């Protein structure tokens, strides 16, 4: 199934990475960004950062990062098409 670029862009601009990530990870605001415990590896000190301004996430511990689609694909083990439909 092919999703039109216009639909992908529409979802990307309307879906806040902070809102989506916070469905699965407890985030706290720190400065411009949000931080929390990384859902991709076991840690006690938060190294997982979400940038509302840039609409990306990044873990400084395991170096996983990307946009809202990448987060859903990695966290829920789903395809790109399923992430766009989320």
PDB file of N, CA and C in Angstrom:
ATOM      1  N   UNK A   1       0.842  -1.184   0.000  1.00  0.00           N
ATOM      2  CA  UNK A   1       0.000   0.000   0.000  1.00  0.00           C
ATOM      3  C   UNK A   1       0.886   1.246   0.000  1.00  0.00           C
ATOM      4  N   UNK A   2       0.661   2.112  -0.946  1.00  0.00           N
ATOM      5  CA  UNK A   2       1.445   3.340  -1.056  1.00  0.00           C
ATOM      6  C   UNK A   2       0.626   4.506  -0.517  1.00  0.00           C
ATOM      7  N   UNK A   3       1.256   5.288   0.334  1.00  0.00           N
ATOM      8  CA  UNK A   3       0.599   6.456   0.917  1.00  0.00           C
ATOM      9  C   UNK A   3       1.107   7.691   0.183  1.00  0.00           C
ATOM     10  N   UNK A   4       0.212   8.558  -0.290  1.00  0.00           N
ATOM     11  CA  UNK A   4       0.647   9.770  -0.992  1.00  0.00           C
ATOM     12  C   UNK A   4       1.519  10.657  -0.092  1.00  0.00           C
ATOM     13  N   UNK A   5       2.535  11.276  -0.693  1.00  0.00           N
ATOM     14  CA  UNK A   5       3.427  12.173   0.056  1.00  0.00           C
ATOM     15  C   UNK A   5       2.646  13.265   0.772  1.00  0.00           C
ATOM     16  N   UNK A   6       1.580  13.759   0.141  1.00  0.00           N
ATOM     17  CA  UNK A   6       0.785  14.826   0.756  1.00  0.00           C
ATOM     18  C   UNK A   6       0.161  14.350   2.072  1.00  0.00           C
ATOM     19  N   UNK A   7      -0.272  13.096   2.108  1.00  0.00           N
ATOM     20  CA  UNK A   7      -0.865  12.531   3.331  1.00  0.00           C
ATOM     21  C   UNK A   7       0.196  12.358   4.412  1.00  0.00           C
ATOM     22  N   UNK A   8       1.384  11.886   4.015  1.00  0.00           N
ATOM     23  CA  UNK A   8       2.484  11.712   4.968  1.00  0.00           C
ATOM     24  C   UNK A   8       2.851  13.056   5.583  1.00  0.00           C
ATOM     25  N   UNK A   9       2.966  14.079   4.744  1.00  0.00           N
ATOM     26  CA  UNK A   9       3.321  15.417   5.229  1.00  0.00           C
ATOM     27  C   UNK A   9       2.225  15.976   6.134  1.00  0.00           C
ATOM     28  N   UNK A  10       0.969  15.734   5.782  1.00  0.00           N
ATOM     29  CA  UNK A  10      -0.157  16.198   6.592  1.00  0.00           C
ATOM     30  C   UNK A  10      -0.105  15.580   7.992  1.00  0.00           C
ATOM     31  N   UNK A  11       0.144  14.286   8.058  1.00  0.00           N
ATOM     32  CA  UNK A  11       0.226  13.598   9.349  1.00  0.00           C
ATOM     33  C   UNK A  11       1.439  14.089  10.128  1.00  0.00           C
ATOM     34  N   UNK A  12       2.576  14.229   9.441  1.00  0.00           N
ATOM     35  CA  UNK A  12       3.808  14.662  10.107  1.00  0.00           C
ATOM     36  C   UNK A  12       3.639  16.049  10.741  1.00  0.00           C
ATOM     37  N   UNK A  13       2.961  16.958  10.051  1.00  0.00           N
ATOM     38  CA  UNK A  13       2.807  18.314  10.583  1.00  0.00           C
ATOM     39  C   UNK A  13       1.697  18.416  11.627  1.00  0.00           C
ATOM     40  N   UNK A  14       0.734  17.502  11.588  1.00  0.00           N
ATOM     41  CA  UNK A  14      -0.369  17.595  12.551  1.00  0.00           C
ATOM     42  C   UNK A  14      -0.147  16.760  13.813  1.00  0.00           C
ATOM     43  N   UNK A  15       0.706  15.747  13.742  1.00  0.00           N
ATOM     44  CA  UNK A  15       0.952  14.872  14.897  1.00  0.00           C
ATOM     45  C   UNK A  15       2.157  15.380  15.680  1.00  0.00           C
ATOM     46  N   UNK A  16       1.927  15.883  16.871  1.00  0.00           N
ATOM     47  CA  UNK A  16       3.019  16.359  17.724  1.00  0.00           C
ATOM     48  C   UNK A  16       3.795  15.170  18.276  1.00  0.00           C
ATOM     49  N   UNK A  17       5.108  15.179  18.069  1.00  0.00           N
ATOM     50  CA  UNK A  17       5.944  14.088  18.579  1.00  0.00           C
ATOM     51  C   UNK A  17       5.842  14.009  20.102  1.00  0.00           C
ATOM     52  N   UNK A  18       5.686  15.140  20.767  1.00  0.00           N
ATOM     53  CA  UNK A  18       5.554  15.145  22.233  1.00  0.00           C
ATOM     54  C   UNK A  18       4.266  14.429  22.641  1.00  0.00           C
ATOM     55  N   UNK A  19       3.169  14.728  21.967  1.00  0.00           N
ATOM     56  CA  UNK A  19       1.890  14.086  22.296  1.00  0.00           C
ATOM     57  C   UNK A  19       1.944  12.575  22.071  1.00  0.00           C
ATOM     58  N   UNK A  20       2.520  12.168  20.948  1.00  0.00           N
ATOM     59  CA  UNK A  20       2.582  10.738  20.625  1.00  0.00           C
ATOM     60  C   UNK A  20       3.493  10.002  21.601  1.00  0.00           C
ATOM     61  N   UNK A  21       4.699  10.522  21.820  1.00  0.00           N
ATOM     62  CA  UNK A  21       5.648   9.856  22.728  1.00  0.00           C
ATOM     63  C   UNK A  21       5.083   9.796  24.144  1.00  0.00           C
ATOM     64  N   UNK A  22       4.409  10.867  24.576  1.00  0.00           N
ATOM     65  CA  UNK A  22       3.896  10.898  25.952  1.00  0.00           C
ATOM     66  C   UNK A  22       2.747   9.912  26.171  1.00  0.00           C
ATOM     67  N   UNK A  23       2.209   9.326  25.106  1.00  0.00           N
ATOM     68  CA  UNK A  23       1.231   8.244  25.265  1.00  0.00           C
ATOM     69  C   UNK A  23       1.905   7.002  25.847  1.00  0.00           C
ATOM     70  N   UNK A  24       3.229   6.891  25.655  1.00  0.00           N
ATOM     71  CA  UNK A  24       3.970   5.688  26.040  1.00  0.00           C
ATOM     72  C   UNK A  24       5.070   5.936  27.069  1.00  0.00           C
ATOM     73  N   UNK A  25       5.548   7.172  27.154  1.00  0.00           N
ATOM     74  CA  UNK A  25       6.680   7.514  28.018  1.00  0.00           C
ATOM     75  C   UNK A  25       6.303   8.722  28.867  1.00  0.00           C
ATOM     76  N   UNK A  26       6.603   8.652  30.168  1.00  0.00           N
ATOM     77  CA  UNK A  26       6.355   9.796  31.039  1.00  0.00           C
ATOM     78  C   UNK A  26       7.437  10.839  30.772  1.00  0.00           C
ATOM     79  N   UNK A  27       7.015  12.030  30.318  1.00  0.00           N
ATOM     80  CA  UNK A  27       7.954  13.099  29.976  1.00  0.00           C
ATOM     81  C   UNK A  27       7.811  14.265  30.942  1.00  0.00           C
ATOM     82  N   UNK A  28       8.948  14.932  31.197  1.00  0.00           N
ATOM     83  CA  UNK A  28       8.959  16.163  32.001  1.00  0.00           C
ATOM     84  C   UNK A  28       9.581  17.262  31.163  1.00  0.00           C
ATOM     85  N   UNK A  29       9.027  18.460  31.267  1.00  0.00           N
ATOM     86  CA  UNK A  29       9.572  19.595  30.518  1.00  0.00           C
ATOM     87  C   UNK A  29      10.865  20.043  31.172  1.00  0.00           C
ATOM     88  N   UNK A  30      11.895  20.230  30.349  1.00  0.00           N
ATOM     89  CA  UNK A  30      13.167  20.763  30.826  1.00  0.00           C
ATOM     90  C   UNK A  30      13.670  21.733  29.761  1.00  0.00           C
ATOM     91  N   UNK A  31      13.558  23.028  30.059  1.00  0.00           N
ATOM     92  CA  UNK A  31      13.922  24.034  29.065  1.00  0.00           C
ATOM     93  C   UNK A  31      12.960  23.970  27.892  1.00  0.00           C
ATOM     94  N   UNK A  32      13.516  23.928  26.682  1.00  0.00           N
ATOM     95  CA  UNK A  32      12.688  23.837  25.475  1.00  0.00           C
ATOM     96  C   UNK A  32      12.217  22.416  25.200  1.00  0.00           C
ATOM     97  N   UNK A  33      12.896  21.436  25.779  1.00  0.00           N
ATOM     98  CA  UNK A  33      12.643  20.032  25.461  1.00  0.00           C
ATOM     99  C   UNK A  33      11.933  19.291  26.583  1.00  0.00           C
ATOM    100  N   UNK A  34      11.625  18.045  26.316  1.00  0.00           N
ATOM    101  CA  UNK A  34      11.035  17.139  27.295  1.00  0.00           C
ATOM    102  C   UNK A  34      12.003  15.979  27.482  1.00  0.00           C
ATOM    103  N   UNK A  35      12.091  15.472  28.710  1.00  0.00           N
ATOM    104  CA  UNK A  35      12.989  14.348  28.981  1.00  0.00           C
ATOM    105  C   UNK A  35      12.230  13.226  29.680  1.00  0.00           C
ATOM    106  N   UNK A  36      12.768  12.033  29.556  1.00  0.00           N
ATOM    107  CA  UNK A  36      12.178  10.877  30.216  1.00  0.00           C
ATOM    108  C   UNK A  36      13.115   9.692  30.119  1.00  0.00           C
ATOM    109  N   UNK A  37      12.693   8.593  30.720  1.00  0.00           N
ATOM    110  CA  UNK A  37      13.466   7.355  30.630  1.00  0.00           C
ATOM    111  C   UNK A  37      13.256   6.748  29.247  1.00  0.00           C
ATOM    112  N   UNK A  38      14.326   6.325  28.636  1.00  0.00           N
ATOM    113  CA  UNK A  38      14.264   5.778  27.280  1.00  0.00           C
ATOM    114  C   UNK A  38      13.486   4.461  27.263  1.00  0.00           C
ATOM    115  N   UNK A  39      12.523   4.337  26.355  1.00  0.00           N
ATOM    116  CA  UNK A  39      11.768   3.089  26.248  1.00  0.00           C
ATOM    117  C   UNK A  39      12.503   2.005  25.455  1.00  0.00           C
ATOM    118  N   UNK A  40      13.679   2.339  24.912  1.00  0.00           N
ATOM    119  CA  UNK A  40      14.397   1.403  24.056  1.00  0.00           C
ATOM    120  C   UNK A  40      15.548   0.696  24.756  1.00  0.00           C
ATOM    121  N   UNK A  41      15.899   1.145  25.952  1.00  0.00           N
ATOM    122  CA  UNK A  41      16.899   0.435  26.745  1.00  0.00           C
ATOM    123  C   UNK A  41      16.627   0.705  28.223  1.00  0.00           C
ATOM    124  N   UNK A  42      17.217  -0.092  29.089  1.00  0.00           N
ATOM    125  CA  UNK A  42      16.998   0.004  30.530  1.00  0.00           C
ATOM    126  C   UNK A  42      17.905   1.080  31.109  1.00  0.00           C
ATOM    127  N   UNK A  43      17.327   2.068  31.770  1.00  0.00           N
ATOM    128  CA  UNK A  43      18.134   3.127  32.378  1.00  0.00           C
ATOM    129  C   UNK A  43      17.456   3.658  33.629  1.00  0.00           C
ATOM    130  N   UNK A  44      18.258   4.257  34.501  1.00  0.00           N
ATOM    131  CA  UNK A  44      17.741   4.847  35.734  1.00  0.00           C
ATOM    132  C   UNK A  44      17.752   6.367  35.679  1.00  0.00           C
ATOM    133  N   UNK A  45      18.647   6.929  34.884  1.00  0.00           N
ATOM    134  CA  UNK A  45      18.750   8.376  34.719  1.00  0.00           C
ATOM    135  C   UNK A  45      18.237   8.743  33.330  1.00  0.00           C
ATOM    136  N   UNK A  46      17.273   9.660  33.239  1.00  0.00           N
ATOM    137  CA  UNK A  46      16.698  10.000  31.936  1.00  0.00           C
ATOM    138  C   UNK A  46      17.735  10.524  30.938  1.00  0.00           C
ATOM    139  N   UNK A  47      17.779   9.894  29.766  1.00  0.00           N
ATOM    140  CA  UNK A  47      18.653  10.361  28.691  1.00  0.00           C
ATOM    141  C   UNK A  47      17.874  10.496  27.383  1.00  0.00           C
ATOM    142  N   UNK A  48      16.566  10.337  27.475  1.00  0.00           N
ATOM    143  CA  UNK A  48      15.680  10.378  26.311  1.00  0.00           C
ATOM    144  C   UNK A  48      15.090  11.778  26.209  1.00  0.00           C
ATOM    145  N   UNK A  49      15.326  12.452  25.092  1.00  0.00           N
ATOM    146  CA  UNK A  49      14.894  13.834  24.899  1.00  0.00           C
ATOM    147  C   UNK A  49      13.937  13.928  23.719  1.00  0.00           C
ATOM    148  N   UNK A  50      12.896  14.732  23.876  1.00  0.00           N
ATOM    149  CA  UNK A  50      11.947  14.984  22.798  1.00  0.00           C
ATOM    150  C   UNK A  50      11.897  16.489  22.569  1.00  0.00           C
ATOM    151  N   UNK A  51      12.093  16.899  21.328  1.00  0.00           N
ATOM    152  CA  UNK A  51      12.081  18.311  20.964  1.00  0.00           C
ATOM    153  C   UNK A  51      10.783  18.646  20.246  1.00  0.00           C
ATOM    154  N   UNK A  52       9.971  19.478  20.889  1.00  0.00           N
ATOM    155  CA  UNK A  52       8.722  19.911  20.260  1.00  0.00           C
ATOM    156  C   UNK A  52       9.025  20.819  19.070  1.00  0.00           C
ATOM    157  N   UNK A  53      10.028  21.657  19.227  1.00  0.00           N
ATOM    158  CA  UNK A  53      10.405  22.603  18.174  1.00  0.00           C
ATOM    159  C   UNK A  53      10.863  21.881  16.901  1.00  0.00           C
ATOM    160  N   UNK A  54      11.712  20.864  17.059  1.00  0.00           N
ATOM    161  CA  UNK A  54      12.258  20.134  15.908  1.00  0.00           C
ATOM    162  C   UNK A  54      11.405  18.931  15.511  1.00  0.00           C
ATOM    163  N   UNK A  55      10.454  18.541  16.374  1.00  0.00           N
ATOM    164  CA  UNK A  55       9.581  17.386  16.143  1.00  0.00           C
ATOM    165  C   UNK A  55      10.374  16.084  15.991  1.00  0.00           C
ATOM    166  N   UNK A  56      11.371  15.912  16.883  1.00  0.00           N
ATOM    167  CA  UNK A  56      12.191  14.699  16.877  1.00  0.00           C
ATOM    168  C   UNK A  56      12.415  14.212  18.303  1.00  0.00           C
ATOM    169  N   UNK A  57      12.881  12.955  18.416  1.00  0.00           N
ATOM    170  CA  UNK A  57      13.310  12.406  19.699  1.00  0.00           C
ATOM    171  C   UNK A  57      14.732  11.903  19.533  1.00  0.00           C
ATOM    172  N   UNK A  58      15.454  11.822  20.654  1.00  0.00           N
ATOM    173  CA  UNK A  58      16.818  11.286  20.632  1.00  0.00           C
ATOM    174  C   UNK A  58      17.169  10.770  22.020  1.00  0.00           C
ATOM    175  N   UNK A  59      17.793   9.600  22.067  1.00  0.00           N
ATOM    176  CA  UNK A  59      18.304   9.065  23.323  1.00  0.00           C
ATOM    177  C   UNK A  59      19.819   9.186  23.300  1.00  0.00           C
ATOM    178  N   UNK A  60      20.360   9.841  24.308  1.00  0.00           N
ATOM    179  CA  UNK A  60      21.800  10.011  24.404  1.00  0.00           C
ATOM    180  C   UNK A  60      22.476   8.763  24.964  1.00  0.00           C
ATOM    181  N   UNK A  61      21.684   7.798  25.448  1.00  0.00           N
ATOM    182  CA  UNK A  61      22.235   6.549  25.964  1.00  0.00           C
ATOM    183  C   UNK A  61      22.427   5.502  24.882  1.00  0.00           C
ATOM    184  N   UNK A  62      21.362   5.242  24.104  1.00  0.00           N
ATOM    185  CA  UNK A  62      21.433   4.195  23.071  1.00  0.00           C
ATOM    186  C   UNK A  62      21.472   4.762  21.656  1.00  0.00           C
ATOM    187  N   UNK A  63      21.386   6.066  21.539  1.00  0.00           N
ATOM    188  CA  UNK A  63      21.494   6.789  20.264  1.00  0.00           C
ATOM    189  C   UNK A  63      20.355   6.514  19.288  1.00  0.00           C
ATOM    190  N   UNK A  64      19.223   6.057  19.792  1.00  0.00           N
ATOM    191  CA  UNK A  64      18.041   5.909  18.951  1.00  0.00           C
ATOM    192  C   UNK A  64      17.419   7.287  18.789  1.00  0.00           C
ATOM    193  N   UNK A  65      16.948   7.596  17.603  1.00  0.00           N
ATOM    194  CA  UNK A  65      16.334   8.893  17.388  1.00  0.00           C
ATOM    195  C   UNK A  65      15.574   8.937  16.084  1.00  0.00           C
ATOM    196  N   UNK A  66      14.786   9.990  15.917  1.00  0.00           N
ATOM    197  CA  UNK A  66      14.037  10.161  14.679  1.00  0.00           C
ATOM    198  C   UNK A  66      12.792  10.991  14.892  1.00  0.00           C
ATOM    199  N   UNK A  67      11.865  10.858  13.951  1.00  0.00           N
ATOM    200  CA  UNK A  67      10.623  11.622  14.021  1.00  0.00           C
ATOM    201  C   UNK A  67       9.501  10.768  14.622  1.00  0.00           C
ATOM    202  N   UNK A  68       8.295  11.269  14.546  1.00  0.00           N
ATOM    203  CA  UNK A  68       7.145  10.588  15.151  1.00  0.00           C
ATOM    204  C   UNK A  68       6.924   9.202  14.531  1.00  0.00           C
ATOM    205  N   UNK A  69       7.137   9.079  13.217  1.00  0.00           N
ATOM    206  CA  UNK A  69       6.958   7.785  12.560  1.00  0.00           C
ATOM    207  C   UNK A  69       7.995   6.776  13.036  1.00  0.00           C
ATOM    208  N   UNK A  70       9.229   7.210  13.134  1.00  0.00           N
ATOM    209  CA  UNK A  70      10.319   6.329  13.588  1.00  0.00           C
ATOM    210  C   UNK A  70      10.047   5.842  15.014  1.00  0.00           C
ATOM    211  N   UNK A  71       9.561   6.749  15.885  1.00  0.00           N
ATOM    212  CA  UNK A  71       9.261   6.347  17.257  1.00  0.00           C
ATOM    213  C   UNK A  71       8.223   5.229  17.270  1.00  0.00           C
ATOM    214  N   UNK A  72       7.124   5.430  16.561  1.00  0.00           N
ATOM    215  CA  UNK A  72       6.065   4.416  16.548  1.00  0.00           C
ATOM    216  C   UNK A  72       6.549   3.104  15.947  1.00  0.00           C
ATOM    217  N   UNK A  73       7.328   3.175  14.875  1.00  0.00           N
ATOM    218  CA  UNK A  73       7.843   1.965  14.239  1.00  0.00           C
ATOM    219  C   UNK A  73       8.740   1.181  15.191  1.00  0.00           C
ATOM    220  N   UNK A  74       9.629   1.876  15.888  1.00  0.00           N
ATOM    221  CA  UNK A  74      10.559   1.216  16.810  1.00  0.00           C
ATOM    222  C   UNK A  74       9.843   0.712  18.066  1.00  0.00           C
ATOM    223  N   UNK A  75       9.006   1.563  18.652  1.00  0.00           N
ATOM    224  CA  UNK A  75       8.378   1.231  19.931  1.00  0.00           C
ATOM    225  C   UNK A  75       7.317   0.141  19.786  1.00  0.00           C
ATOM    226  N   UNK A  76       6.487   0.263  18.757  1.00  0.00           N
ATOM    227  CA  UNK A  76       5.389  -0.691  18.594  1.00  0.00           C
ATOM    228  C   UNK A  76       5.710  -1.818  17.616  1.00  0.00           C
ATOM    229  N   UNK A  77       6.920  -1.776  17.043  1.00  0.00           N
ATOM    230  CA  UNK A  77       7.342  -2.802  16.075  1.00  0.00           C
ATOM    231  C   UNK A  77       6.330  -2.906  14.932  1.00  0.00           C
ATOM    232  N   UNK A  78       6.022  -1.749  14.329  1.00  0.00           N
ATOM    233  CA  UNK A  78       5.060  -1.695  13.230  1.00  0.00           C
ATOM    234  C   UNK A  78       5.738  -1.128  11.980  1.00  0.00           C
ATOM    235  N   UNK A  79       5.062  -1.240  10.857  1.00  0.00           N
ATOM    236  CA  UNK A  79       5.595  -0.740   9.589  1.00  0.00           C
ATOM    237  C   UNK A  79       5.374   0.770   9.475  1.00  0.00           C
ATOM    238  N   UNK A  80       6.012   1.361   8.476  1.00  0.00           N
ATOM    239  CA  UNK A  80       5.839   2.791   8.223  1.00  0.00           C
ATOM    240  C   UNK A  80       4.377   3.107   7.921  1.00  0.00           C
ATOM    241  N   UNK A  81       3.739   2.289   7.097  1.00  0.00           N
ATOM    242  CA  UNK A  81       2.332   2.501   6.743  1.00  0.00           C
ATOM    243  C   UNK A  81       1.462   2.481   7.996  1.00  0.00           C
ATOM    244  N   UNK A  82       1.702   1.525   8.883  1.00  0.00           N
ATOM    245  CA  UNK A  82       0.929   1.447  10.131  1.00  0.00           C
ATOM    246  C   UNK A  82       1.194   2.662  11.013  1.00  0.00           C
ATOM    247  N   UNK A  83       2.426   3.152  11.024  1.00  0.00           N
ATOM    248  CA  UNK A  83       2.764   4.334  11.825  1.00  0.00           C
ATOM    249  C   UNK A  83       2.032   5.563  11.304  1.00  0.00           C
ATOM    250  N   UNK A  84       1.951   5.717   9.996  1.00  0.00           N
ATOM    251  CA  UNK A  84       1.236   6.857   9.406  1.00  0.00           C
ATOM    252  C   UNK A  84      -0.248   6.766   9.732  1.00  0.00           C
ATOM    253  N   UNK A  85      -0.793   5.566   9.736  1.00  0.00           N
ATOM    254  CA  UNK A  85      -2.219   5.380  10.014  1.00  0.00           C
ATOM    255  C   UNK A  85      -2.561   5.528  11.492  1.00  0.00           C
ATOM    256  N   UNK A  86      -1.562   5.460  12.368  1.00  0.00           N
ATOM    257  CA  UNK A  86      -1.781   5.564  13.811  1.00  0.00           C
ATOM    258  C   UNK A  86      -2.411   6.906  14.120  1.00  0.00           C
TER     259      UNK A  86
END
